[in-house]
ModelCIF file with pLDDT and N, C-alpha, C, O atoms, coordinates in Angstrom:
data_MODEL
#
_entry.id   MODEL 
#
_entity.id                         1 
_entity.type                       polymer 
_entity.pdbx_number_of_molecules   1 
#
_entity_poly.entity_id                      1 
_entity_poly.type                           'polypeptide(L)' 
_entity_poly.nstd_linkage                   no 
_entity_poly.nstd_monomer                   no 
_entity_poly.pdbx_seq_one_letter_code       HLIRWDSPKCYYVVDQSPFPYEQEVLLHDGVRLFVLAMDEKEEEGKM 
_entity_poly.pdbx_seq_one_letter_code_can   HLIRWDSPKCYYVVDQSPFPYEQEVLLHDGVRLFVLAMDEKEEEGKM 
_entity_poly.pdbx_strand_id                 A 
#
loop_
_entity_poly_seq.entity_id 
_entity_poly_seq.num 
_entity_poly_seq.mon_id 
_entity_poly_seq.hetero 
1 1  HIS n 
1 2  LEU n 
1 3  ILE n 
1 4  ARG n 
1 5  TRP n 
1 6  ASP n 
1 7  SER n 
1 8  PRO n 
1 9  LYS n 
1 10 CYS n 
1 11 TYR n 
1 12 TYR n 
1 13 VAL n 
1 14 VAL n 
1 15 ASP n 
1 16 GLN n 
1 17 SER n 
1 18 PRO n 
1 19 PHE n 
1 20 PRO n 
1 21 TYR n 
1 22 GLU n 
1 23 GLN n 
1 24 GLU n 
1 25 VAL n 
1 26 LEU n 
1 27 LEU n 
1 28 HIS n 
1 29 ASP n 
1 30 GLY n 
1 31 VAL n 
1 32 ARG n 
1 33 LEU n 
1 34 PHE n 
1 35 VAL n 
1 36 LEU n 
1 37 ALA n 
1 38 MET n 
1 39 ASP n 
1 40 GLU n 
1 41 LYS n 
1 42 GLU n 
1 43 GLU n 
1 44 GLU n 
1 45 GLY n 
1 46 LYS n 
1 47 MET n 
#
_struct_asym.id          A 
_struct_asym.entity_id   1 
#
loop_
_ma_qa_metric.id 
_ma_qa_metric.mode 
_ma_qa_metric.name 
_ma_qa_metric.software_group_id 
_ma_qa_metric.type 
1 global pLDDT . pLDDT 
2 local  pLDDT . pLDDT 
#
_ma_qa_metric_global.metric_id      1 
_ma_qa_metric_global.metric_value   85.57 
_ma_qa_metric_global.model_id       1 
_ma_qa_metric_global.ordinal_id     1 
#
loop_
_ma_qa_metric_local.label_asym_id 
_ma_qa_metric_local.label_comp_id 
_ma_qa_metric_local.label_seq_id 
_ma_qa_metric_local.metric_id 
_ma_qa_metric_local.metric_value 
_ma_qa_metric_local.model_id 
_ma_qa_metric_local.ordinal_id 
A HIS 1  2 95.00 1 1  
A LEU 2  2 92.00 1 2  
A ILE 3  2 89.00 1 3  
A ARG 4  2 74.00 1 4  
A TRP 5  2 74.00 1 5  
A ASP 6  2 71.00 1 6  
A SER 7  2 71.00 1 7  
A PRO 8  2 68.00 1 8  
A LYS 9  2 75.00 1 9  
A CYS 10 2 81.00 1 10 
A TYR 11 2 80.00 1 11 
A TYR 12 2 84.00 1 12 
A VAL 13 2 81.00 1 13 
A VAL 14 2 83.00 1 14 
A ASP 15 2 79.00 1 15 
A GLN 16 2 75.00 1 16 
A SER 17 2 77.00 1 17 
A PRO 18 2 78.00 1 18 
A PHE 19 2 82.00 1 19 
A PRO 20 2 82.00 1 20 
A TYR 21 2 83.00 1 21 
A GLU 22 2 84.00 1 22 
A GLN 23 2 86.00 1 23 
A GLU 24 2 88.00 1 24 
A VAL 25 2 87.00 1 25 
A LEU 26 2 89.00 1 26 
A LEU 27 2 89.00 1 27 
A HIS 28 2 90.00 1 28 
A ASP 29 2 90.00 1 29 
A GLY 30 2 90.00 1 30 
A VAL 31 2 90.00 1 31 
A ARG 32 2 91.00 1 32 
A LEU 33 2 92.00 1 33 
A PHE 34 2 94.00 1 34 
A VAL 35 2 95.00 1 35 
A LEU 36 2 94.00 1 36 
A ALA 37 2 95.00 1 37 
A MET 38 2 96.00 1 38 
A ASP 39 2 96.00 1 39 
A GLU 40 2 95.00 1 40 
A LYS 41 2 94.00 1 41 
A GLU 42 2 91.00 1 42 
A GLU 43 2 86.00 1 43 
A GLU 44 2 81.00 1 44 
A GLY 45 2 86.00 1 45 
A LYS 46 2 88.00 1 46 
A MET 47 2 91.00 1 47 
#
loop_
_atom_site.group_PDB 
_atom_site.id 
_atom_site.type_symbol 
_atom_site.label_atom_id 
_atom_site.label_alt_id 
_atom_site.label_comp_id 
_atom_site.label_asym_id 
_atom_site.label_entity_id 
_atom_site.label_seq_id 
_atom_site.pdbx_PDB_ins_code 
_atom_site.Cartn_x 
_atom_site.Cartn_y 
_atom_site.Cartn_z 
_atom_site.occupancy 
_atom_site.B_iso_or_equiv 
_atom_site.pdbx_formal_charge 
_atom_site.auth_seq_id 
_atom_site.auth_comp_id 
_atom_site.auth_asym_id 
_atom_site.auth_atom_id 
_atom_site.pdbx_PDB_model_num 
ATOM 1   N N  . HIS A 1 1  ? 0.585   -1.464  0.059   1.00 95.00 ? 1  HIS A N  1 
ATOM 2   C CA . HIS A 1 1  ? 0.170   0.100   0.058   1.00 95.00 ? 1  HIS A CA 1 
ATOM 3   C C  . HIS A 1 1  ? 0.905   1.300   0.127   1.00 95.00 ? 1  HIS A C  1 
ATOM 4   O O  . HIS A 1 1  ? 1.262   1.949   1.110   1.00 95.00 ? 1  HIS A O  1 
ATOM 5   N N  . LEU A 1 2  ? 1.083   1.499   -1.150  1.00 92.00 ? 2  LEU A N  1 
ATOM 6   C CA . LEU A 1 2  ? 1.757   3.223   -1.331  1.00 92.00 ? 2  LEU A CA 1 
ATOM 7   C C  . LEU A 1 2  ? 0.478   4.509   -0.874  1.00 92.00 ? 2  LEU A C  1 
ATOM 8   O O  . LEU A 1 2  ? -0.640  4.570   -1.384  1.00 92.00 ? 2  LEU A O  1 
ATOM 9   N N  . ILE A 1 3  ? 0.874   5.194   -0.090  1.00 89.00 ? 3  ILE A N  1 
ATOM 10  C CA . ILE A 1 3  ? -0.051  6.208   0.247   1.00 89.00 ? 3  ILE A CA 1 
ATOM 11  C C  . ILE A 1 3  ? 0.549   7.216   -0.248  1.00 89.00 ? 3  ILE A C  1 
ATOM 12  O O  . ILE A 1 3  ? 1.775   7.303   -0.311  1.00 89.00 ? 3  ILE A O  1 
ATOM 13  N N  . ARG A 1 4  ? -0.310  8.140   -0.679  1.00 74.00 ? 4  ARG A N  1 
ATOM 14  C CA . ARG A 1 4  ? -0.496  9.254   -1.111  1.00 74.00 ? 4  ARG A CA 1 
ATOM 15  C C  . ARG A 1 4  ? 0.762   10.084  -1.782  1.00 74.00 ? 4  ARG A C  1 
ATOM 16  O O  . ARG A 1 4  ? 1.411   11.033  -1.342  1.00 74.00 ? 4  ARG A O  1 
ATOM 17  N N  . TRP A 1 5  ? 0.865   9.218   -3.241  1.00 74.00 ? 5  TRP A N  1 
ATOM 18  C CA . TRP A 1 5  ? 2.219   9.215   -3.749  1.00 74.00 ? 5  TRP A CA 1 
ATOM 19  C C  . TRP A 1 5  ? 1.993   10.946  -4.070  1.00 74.00 ? 5  TRP A C  1 
ATOM 20  O O  . TRP A 1 5  ? 1.084   11.398  -4.765  1.00 74.00 ? 5  TRP A O  1 
ATOM 21  N N  . ASP A 1 6  ? 2.886   11.623  -3.489  1.00 71.00 ? 6  ASP A N  1 
ATOM 22  C CA . ASP A 1 6  ? 2.691   13.307  -3.838  1.00 71.00 ? 6  ASP A CA 1 
ATOM 23  C C  . ASP A 1 6  ? 3.678   13.791  -4.988  1.00 71.00 ? 6  ASP A C  1 
ATOM 24  O O  . ASP A 1 6  ? 3.943   14.980  -5.165  1.00 71.00 ? 6  ASP A O  1 
ATOM 25  N N  . SER A 1 7  ? 4.229   12.684  -5.801  1.00 71.00 ? 7  SER A N  1 
ATOM 26  C CA . SER A 1 7  ? 5.320   13.591  -6.610  1.00 71.00 ? 7  SER A CA 1 
ATOM 27  C C  . SER A 1 7  ? 4.714   13.113  -8.026  1.00 71.00 ? 7  SER A C  1 
ATOM 28  O O  . SER A 1 7  ? 4.221   12.037  -8.363  1.00 71.00 ? 7  SER A O  1 
ATOM 29  N N  . PRO A 1 8  ? 4.959   14.448  -8.809  1.00 68.00 ? 8  PRO A N  1 
ATOM 30  C CA . PRO A 1 8  ? 4.620   14.103  -10.593 1.00 68.00 ? 8  PRO A CA 1 
ATOM 31  C C  . PRO A 1 8  ? 5.340   13.546  -11.386 1.00 68.00 ? 8  PRO A C  1 
ATOM 32  O O  . PRO A 1 8  ? 5.016   13.331  -12.554 1.00 68.00 ? 8  PRO A O  1 
ATOM 33  N N  . LYS A 1 9  ? 7.015   13.054  -10.591 1.00 75.00 ? 9  LYS A N  1 
ATOM 34  C CA . LYS A 1 9  ? 7.609   12.392  -11.157 1.00 75.00 ? 9  LYS A CA 1 
ATOM 35  C C  . LYS A 1 9  ? 7.689   10.952  -11.080 1.00 75.00 ? 9  LYS A C  1 
ATOM 36  O O  . LYS A 1 9  ? 7.243   10.633  -9.978  1.00 75.00 ? 9  LYS A O  1 
ATOM 37  N N  . CYS A 1 10 ? 8.083   9.835   -11.794 1.00 81.00 ? 10 CYS A N  1 
ATOM 38  C CA . CYS A 1 10 ? 8.485   8.547   -11.660 1.00 81.00 ? 10 CYS A CA 1 
ATOM 39  C C  . CYS A 1 10 ? 7.262   7.979   -11.279 1.00 81.00 ? 10 CYS A C  1 
ATOM 40  O O  . CYS A 1 10 ? 7.167   7.271   -10.276 1.00 81.00 ? 10 CYS A O  1 
ATOM 41  N N  . TYR A 1 11 ? 6.015   8.328   -12.254 1.00 80.00 ? 11 TYR A N  1 
ATOM 42  C CA . TYR A 1 11 ? 4.615   7.559   -12.091 1.00 80.00 ? 11 TYR A CA 1 
ATOM 43  C C  . TYR A 1 11 ? 3.909   7.785   -13.283 1.00 80.00 ? 11 TYR A C  1 
ATOM 44  O O  . TYR A 1 11 ? 4.055   8.859   -13.868 1.00 80.00 ? 11 TYR A O  1 
ATOM 45  N N  . TYR A 1 12 ? 3.116   6.859   -13.746 1.00 84.00 ? 12 TYR A N  1 
ATOM 46  C CA . TYR A 1 12 ? 2.216   7.501   -14.871 1.00 84.00 ? 12 TYR A CA 1 
ATOM 47  C C  . TYR A 1 12 ? 0.904   6.605   -14.992 1.00 84.00 ? 12 TYR A C  1 
ATOM 48  O O  . TYR A 1 12 ? 0.968   5.439   -15.381 1.00 84.00 ? 12 TYR A O  1 
ATOM 49  N N  . VAL A 1 13 ? -0.128  7.143   -14.682 1.00 81.00 ? 13 VAL A N  1 
ATOM 50  C CA . VAL A 1 13 ? -1.472  6.906   -14.906 1.00 81.00 ? 13 VAL A CA 1 
ATOM 51  C C  . VAL A 1 13 ? -1.770  6.163   -16.442 1.00 81.00 ? 13 VAL A C  1 
ATOM 52  O O  . VAL A 1 13 ? -1.748  6.711   -17.544 1.00 81.00 ? 13 VAL A O  1 
ATOM 53  N N  . VAL A 1 14 ? -2.036  4.815   -16.134 1.00 83.00 ? 14 VAL A N  1 
ATOM 54  C CA . VAL A 1 14 ? -2.080  4.584   -17.994 1.00 83.00 ? 14 VAL A CA 1 
ATOM 55  C C  . VAL A 1 14 ? -3.459  4.775   -18.653 1.00 83.00 ? 14 VAL A C  1 
ATOM 56  O O  . VAL A 1 14 ? -4.243  3.842   -18.826 1.00 83.00 ? 14 VAL A O  1 
ATOM 57  N N  . ASP A 1 15 ? -3.682  5.956   -18.981 1.00 79.00 ? 15 ASP A N  1 
ATOM 58  C CA . ASP A 1 15 ? -5.305  6.238   -19.074 1.00 79.00 ? 15 ASP A CA 1 
ATOM 59  C C  . ASP A 1 15 ? -5.671  5.346   -20.211 1.00 79.00 ? 15 ASP A C  1 
ATOM 60  O O  . ASP A 1 15 ? -6.839  5.027   -20.434 1.00 79.00 ? 15 ASP A O  1 
ATOM 61  N N  . GLN A 1 16 ? -4.469  4.873   -21.061 1.00 75.00 ? 16 GLN A N  1 
ATOM 62  C CA . GLN A 1 16 ? -4.628  4.434   -22.664 1.00 75.00 ? 16 GLN A CA 1 
ATOM 63  C C  . GLN A 1 16 ? -4.569  2.631   -22.363 1.00 75.00 ? 16 GLN A C  1 
ATOM 64  O O  . GLN A 1 16 ? -4.389  1.922   -23.352 1.00 75.00 ? 16 GLN A O  1 
ATOM 65  N N  . SER A 1 17 ? -4.659  2.249   -21.575 1.00 77.00 ? 17 SER A N  1 
ATOM 66  C CA . SER A 1 17 ? -4.771  0.688   -20.694 1.00 77.00 ? 17 SER A CA 1 
ATOM 67  C C  . SER A 1 17 ? -5.495  0.048   -21.623 1.00 77.00 ? 17 SER A C  1 
ATOM 68  O O  . SER A 1 17 ? -6.637  0.467   -21.811 1.00 77.00 ? 17 SER A O  1 
ATOM 69  N N  . PRO A 1 18 ? -5.081  -0.936  -22.299 1.00 78.00 ? 18 PRO A N  1 
ATOM 70  C CA . PRO A 1 18 ? -6.013  -2.429  -22.511 1.00 78.00 ? 18 PRO A CA 1 
ATOM 71  C C  . PRO A 1 18 ? -7.070  -2.791  -21.474 1.00 78.00 ? 18 PRO A C  1 
ATOM 72  O O  . PRO A 1 18 ? -8.237  -3.014  -21.799 1.00 78.00 ? 18 PRO A O  1 
ATOM 73  N N  . PHE A 1 19 ? -6.739  -2.831  -20.529 1.00 82.00 ? 19 PHE A N  1 
ATOM 74  C CA . PHE A 1 19 ? -7.375  -3.248  -19.323 1.00 82.00 ? 19 PHE A CA 1 
ATOM 75  C C  . PHE A 1 19 ? -7.859  -1.959  -18.621 1.00 82.00 ? 19 PHE A C  1 
ATOM 76  O O  . PHE A 1 19 ? -7.072  -1.738  -17.701 1.00 82.00 ? 19 PHE A O  1 
ATOM 77  N N  . PRO A 1 20 ? -8.751  -1.090  -18.665 1.00 82.00 ? 20 PRO A N  1 
ATOM 78  C CA . PRO A 1 20 ? -9.132  0.190   -18.125 1.00 82.00 ? 20 PRO A CA 1 
ATOM 79  C C  . PRO A 1 20 ? -9.508  -0.303  -16.188 1.00 82.00 ? 20 PRO A C  1 
ATOM 80  O O  . PRO A 1 20 ? -9.133  0.244   -15.151 1.00 82.00 ? 20 PRO A O  1 
ATOM 81  N N  . TYR A 1 21 ? -10.363 -1.513  -16.416 1.00 83.00 ? 21 TYR A N  1 
ATOM 82  C CA . TYR A 1 21 ? -10.708 -1.716  -15.121 1.00 83.00 ? 21 TYR A CA 1 
ATOM 83  C C  . TYR A 1 21 ? -9.653  -1.986  -14.276 1.00 83.00 ? 21 TYR A C  1 
ATOM 84  O O  . TYR A 1 21 ? -10.066 -1.894  -13.120 1.00 83.00 ? 21 TYR A O  1 
ATOM 85  N N  . GLU A 1 22 ? -8.455  -2.285  -14.313 1.00 84.00 ? 22 GLU A N  1 
ATOM 86  C CA . GLU A 1 22 ? -7.146  -2.315  -13.567 1.00 84.00 ? 22 GLU A CA 1 
ATOM 87  C C  . GLU A 1 22 ? -6.998  -1.121  -13.064 1.00 84.00 ? 22 GLU A C  1 
ATOM 88  O O  . GLU A 1 22 ? -6.652  -0.972  -11.893 1.00 84.00 ? 22 GLU A O  1 
ATOM 89  N N  . GLN A 1 23 ? -7.212  -0.228  -13.783 1.00 86.00 ? 23 GLN A N  1 
ATOM 90  C CA . GLN A 1 23 ? -6.826  1.362   -13.254 1.00 86.00 ? 23 GLN A CA 1 
ATOM 91  C C  . GLN A 1 23 ? -5.328  0.905   -12.649 1.00 86.00 ? 23 GLN A C  1 
ATOM 92  O O  . GLN A 1 23 ? -4.956  0.749   -11.486 1.00 86.00 ? 23 GLN A O  1 
ATOM 93  N N  . GLU A 1 24 ? -4.585  0.747   -14.003 1.00 88.00 ? 24 GLU A N  1 
ATOM 94  C CA . GLU A 1 24 ? -3.044  0.637   -13.744 1.00 88.00 ? 24 GLU A CA 1 
ATOM 95  C C  . GLU A 1 24 ? -2.024  2.067   -13.914 1.00 88.00 ? 24 GLU A C  1 
ATOM 96  O O  . GLU A 1 24 ? -2.146  2.954   -14.759 1.00 88.00 ? 24 GLU A O  1 
ATOM 97  N N  . VAL A 1 25 ? -1.049  1.965   -12.875 1.00 87.00 ? 25 VAL A N  1 
ATOM 98  C CA . VAL A 1 25 ? -0.047  2.984   -12.828 1.00 87.00 ? 25 VAL A CA 1 
ATOM 99  C C  . VAL A 1 25 ? 1.094   2.281   -12.741 1.00 87.00 ? 25 VAL A C  1 
ATOM 100 O O  . VAL A 1 25 ? 1.200   1.310   -11.991 1.00 87.00 ? 25 VAL A O  1 
ATOM 101 N N  . LEU A 1 26 ? 1.865   2.630   -13.356 1.00 89.00 ? 26 LEU A N  1 
ATOM 102 C CA . LEU A 1 26 ? 3.414   2.598   -13.806 1.00 89.00 ? 26 LEU A CA 1 
ATOM 103 C C  . LEU A 1 26 ? 4.417   3.099   -13.003 1.00 89.00 ? 26 LEU A C  1 
ATOM 104 O O  . LEU A 1 26 ? 4.364   4.327   -12.923 1.00 89.00 ? 26 LEU A O  1 
ATOM 105 N N  . LEU A 1 27 ? 5.210   2.643   -12.451 1.00 89.00 ? 27 LEU A N  1 
ATOM 106 C CA . LEU A 1 27 ? 6.213   3.107   -11.444 1.00 89.00 ? 27 LEU A CA 1 
ATOM 107 C C  . LEU A 1 27 ? 7.545   3.204   -12.240 1.00 89.00 ? 27 LEU A C  1 
ATOM 108 O O  . LEU A 1 27 ? 7.629   2.436   -13.198 1.00 89.00 ? 27 LEU A O  1 
ATOM 109 N N  . HIS A 1 28 ? 8.642   4.059   -11.987 1.00 90.00 ? 28 HIS A N  1 
ATOM 110 C CA . HIS A 1 28 ? 9.722   4.065   -12.834 1.00 90.00 ? 28 HIS A CA 1 
ATOM 111 C C  . HIS A 1 28 ? 10.582  3.088   -11.951 1.00 90.00 ? 28 HIS A C  1 
ATOM 112 O O  . HIS A 1 28 ? 10.214  2.668   -10.854 1.00 90.00 ? 28 HIS A O  1 
ATOM 113 N N  . ASP A 1 29 ? 11.648  2.809   -12.502 1.00 90.00 ? 29 ASP A N  1 
ATOM 114 C CA . ASP A 1 29 ? 12.772  1.865   -12.307 1.00 90.00 ? 29 ASP A CA 1 
ATOM 115 C C  . ASP A 1 29 ? 13.267  2.751   -11.465 1.00 90.00 ? 29 ASP A C  1 
ATOM 116 O O  . ASP A 1 29 ? 13.166  3.952   -11.717 1.00 90.00 ? 29 ASP A O  1 
ATOM 117 N N  . GLY A 1 30 ? 14.015  2.197   -10.079 1.00 90.00 ? 30 GLY A N  1 
ATOM 118 C CA . GLY A 1 30 ? 14.520  2.731   -9.301  1.00 90.00 ? 30 GLY A CA 1 
ATOM 119 C C  . GLY A 1 30 ? 13.767  3.794   -8.175  1.00 90.00 ? 30 GLY A C  1 
ATOM 120 O O  . GLY A 1 30 ? 14.436  4.532   -7.452  1.00 90.00 ? 30 GLY A O  1 
ATOM 121 N N  . VAL A 1 31 ? 12.478  3.754   -8.151  1.00 90.00 ? 31 VAL A N  1 
ATOM 122 C CA . VAL A 1 31 ? 12.015  4.396   -7.013  1.00 90.00 ? 31 VAL A CA 1 
ATOM 123 C C  . VAL A 1 31 ? 12.311  3.828   -5.486  1.00 90.00 ? 31 VAL A C  1 
ATOM 124 O O  . VAL A 1 31 ? 12.427  2.681   -5.056  1.00 90.00 ? 31 VAL A O  1 
ATOM 125 N N  . ARG A 1 32 ? 12.374  4.962   -4.934  1.00 91.00 ? 32 ARG A N  1 
ATOM 126 C CA . ARG A 1 32 ? 12.787  4.723   -3.479  1.00 91.00 ? 32 ARG A CA 1 
ATOM 127 C C  . ARG A 1 32 ? 11.371  4.868   -2.289  1.00 91.00 ? 32 ARG A C  1 
ATOM 128 O O  . ARG A 1 32 ? 10.479  5.714   -2.349  1.00 91.00 ? 32 ARG A O  1 
ATOM 129 N N  . LEU A 1 33 ? 11.485  4.042   -1.511  1.00 92.00 ? 33 LEU A N  1 
ATOM 130 C CA . LEU A 1 33 ? 10.046  4.204   -0.831  1.00 92.00 ? 33 LEU A CA 1 
ATOM 131 C C  . LEU A 1 33 ? 10.604  3.809   0.620   1.00 92.00 ? 33 LEU A C  1 
ATOM 132 O O  . LEU A 1 33 ? 11.680  3.212   0.650   1.00 92.00 ? 33 LEU A O  1 
ATOM 133 N N  . PHE A 1 34 ? 9.909   4.116   1.896   1.00 94.00 ? 34 PHE A N  1 
ATOM 134 C CA . PHE A 1 34 ? 10.064  4.232   2.814   1.00 94.00 ? 34 PHE A CA 1 
ATOM 135 C C  . PHE A 1 34 ? 8.851   3.178   3.306   1.00 94.00 ? 34 PHE A C  1 
ATOM 136 O O  . PHE A 1 34 ? 7.764   3.161   2.728   1.00 94.00 ? 34 PHE A O  1 
ATOM 137 N N  . VAL A 1 35 ? 9.181   2.258   4.495   1.00 95.00 ? 35 VAL A N  1 
ATOM 138 C CA . VAL A 1 35 ? 8.504   1.283   5.035   1.00 95.00 ? 35 VAL A CA 1 
ATOM 139 C C  . VAL A 1 35 ? 8.021   2.020   6.372   1.00 95.00 ? 35 VAL A C  1 
ATOM 140 O O  . VAL A 1 35 ? 8.779   2.302   7.300   1.00 95.00 ? 35 VAL A O  1 
ATOM 141 N N  . LEU A 1 36 ? 6.457   2.327   6.330   1.00 94.00 ? 36 LEU A N  1 
ATOM 142 C CA . LEU A 1 36 ? 6.065   2.898   7.347   1.00 94.00 ? 36 LEU A CA 1 
ATOM 143 C C  . LEU A 1 36 ? 5.081   1.804   8.444   1.00 94.00 ? 36 LEU A C  1 
ATOM 144 O O  . LEU A 1 36 ? 4.666   2.227   9.523   1.00 94.00 ? 36 LEU A O  1 
ATOM 145 N N  . ALA A 1 37 ? 4.906   0.892   8.138   1.00 95.00 ? 37 ALA A N  1 
ATOM 146 C CA . ALA A 1 37 ? 3.935   0.018   8.575   1.00 95.00 ? 37 ALA A CA 1 
ATOM 147 C C  . ALA A 1 37 ? 3.820   -1.314  8.341   1.00 95.00 ? 37 ALA A C  1 
ATOM 148 O O  . ALA A 1 37 ? 3.962   -1.545  7.140   1.00 95.00 ? 37 ALA A O  1 
ATOM 149 N N  . MET A 1 38 ? 3.591   -2.433  9.090   1.00 96.00 ? 38 MET A N  1 
ATOM 150 C CA . MET A 1 38 ? 3.325   -3.881  8.702   1.00 96.00 ? 38 MET A CA 1 
ATOM 151 C C  . MET A 1 38 ? 2.261   -4.318  9.613   1.00 96.00 ? 38 MET A C  1 
ATOM 152 O O  . MET A 1 38 ? 2.402   -4.308  10.836  1.00 96.00 ? 38 MET A O  1 
ATOM 153 N N  . ASP A 1 39 ? 0.901   -4.807  8.842   1.00 96.00 ? 39 ASP A N  1 
ATOM 154 C CA . ASP A 1 39 ? 0.255   -5.471  9.746   1.00 96.00 ? 39 ASP A CA 1 
ATOM 155 C C  . ASP A 1 39 ? -0.365  -6.498  9.062   1.00 96.00 ? 39 ASP A C  1 
ATOM 156 O O  . ASP A 1 39 ? -0.254  -6.527  7.837   1.00 96.00 ? 39 ASP A O  1 
ATOM 157 N N  . GLU A 1 40 ? -1.071  -7.443  9.711   1.00 95.00 ? 40 GLU A N  1 
ATOM 158 C CA . GLU A 1 40 ? -1.729  -8.594  9.255   1.00 95.00 ? 40 GLU A CA 1 
ATOM 159 C C  . GLU A 1 40 ? -3.265  -8.353  9.349   1.00 95.00 ? 40 GLU A C  1 
ATOM 160 O O  . GLU A 1 40 ? -3.862  -7.727  10.225  1.00 95.00 ? 40 GLU A O  1 
ATOM 161 N N  . LYS A 1 41 ? -3.802  -9.021  8.199   1.00 94.00 ? 41 LYS A N  1 
ATOM 162 C CA . LYS A 1 41 ? -5.105  -8.382  7.425   1.00 94.00 ? 41 LYS A CA 1 
ATOM 163 C C  . LYS A 1 41 ? -5.795  -10.047 7.062   1.00 94.00 ? 41 LYS A C  1 
ATOM 164 O O  . LYS A 1 41 ? -5.180  -11.000 6.584   1.00 94.00 ? 41 LYS A O  1 
ATOM 165 N N  . GLU A 1 42 ? -6.998  -9.998  7.401   1.00 91.00 ? 42 GLU A N  1 
ATOM 166 C CA . GLU A 1 42 ? -7.805  -10.708 6.657   1.00 91.00 ? 42 GLU A CA 1 
ATOM 167 C C  . GLU A 1 42 ? -8.823  -10.628 5.849   1.00 91.00 ? 42 GLU A C  1 
ATOM 168 O O  . GLU A 1 42 ? -9.684  -9.865  6.286   1.00 91.00 ? 42 GLU A O  1 
ATOM 169 N N  . GLU A 1 43 ? -9.196  -11.340 4.361   1.00 86.00 ? 43 GLU A N  1 
ATOM 170 C CA . GLU A 1 43 ? -10.310 -10.787 3.741   1.00 86.00 ? 43 GLU A CA 1 
ATOM 171 C C  . GLU A 1 43 ? -10.405 -12.544 2.946   1.00 86.00 ? 43 GLU A C  1 
ATOM 172 O O  . GLU A 1 43 ? -9.630  -13.234 2.284   1.00 86.00 ? 43 GLU A O  1 
ATOM 173 N N  . GLU A 1 44 ? -11.792 -12.695 3.470   1.00 81.00 ? 44 GLU A N  1 
ATOM 174 C CA . GLU A 1 44 ? -12.607 -13.960 2.761   1.00 81.00 ? 44 GLU A CA 1 
ATOM 175 C C  . GLU A 1 44 ? -11.837 -14.971 3.706   1.00 81.00 ? 44 GLU A C  1 
ATOM 176 O O  . GLU A 1 44 ? -11.430 -15.977 3.123   1.00 81.00 ? 44 GLU A O  1 
ATOM 177 N N  . GLY A 1 45 ? -11.644 -14.911 4.660   1.00 86.00 ? 45 GLY A N  1 
ATOM 178 C CA . GLY A 1 45 ? -10.932 -15.983 5.443   1.00 86.00 ? 45 GLY A CA 1 
ATOM 179 C C  . GLY A 1 45 ? -9.616  -16.443 5.199   1.00 86.00 ? 45 GLY A C  1 
ATOM 180 O O  . GLY A 1 45 ? -9.192  -17.524 5.609   1.00 86.00 ? 45 GLY A O  1 
ATOM 181 N N  . LYS A 1 46 ? -8.936  -15.583 4.497   1.00 88.00 ? 46 LYS A N  1 
ATOM 182 C CA . LYS A 1 46 ? -7.550  -15.475 3.734   1.00 88.00 ? 46 LYS A CA 1 
ATOM 183 C C  . LYS A 1 46 ? -6.824  -14.549 4.895   1.00 88.00 ? 46 LYS A C  1 
ATOM 184 O O  . LYS A 1 46 ? -7.298  -13.518 5.373   1.00 88.00 ? 46 LYS A O  1 
ATOM 185 N N  . MET A 1 47 ? -5.598  -15.144 5.225   1.00 91.00 ? 47 MET A N  1 
ATOM 186 C CA . MET A 1 47 ? -4.887  -13.754 5.757   1.00 91.00 ? 47 MET A CA 1 
ATOM 187 C C  . MET A 1 47 ? -3.843  -13.231 4.684   1.00 91.00 ? 47 MET A C  1 
ATOM 188 O O  . MET A 1 47 ? -3.204  -12.200 4.896   1.00 91.00 ? 47 MET A O  1 
#
């Protein structure tokens, strides 16, 4: 979960995607990310 992507650089919303339902965003090679938190969740009986 990448929260609040707040830079106009190094990402691209693929508005002409052949799979528009996926709402795809491409991130540029080499992007650096901080790890803020980790949690265990359950969805449909699966962890």
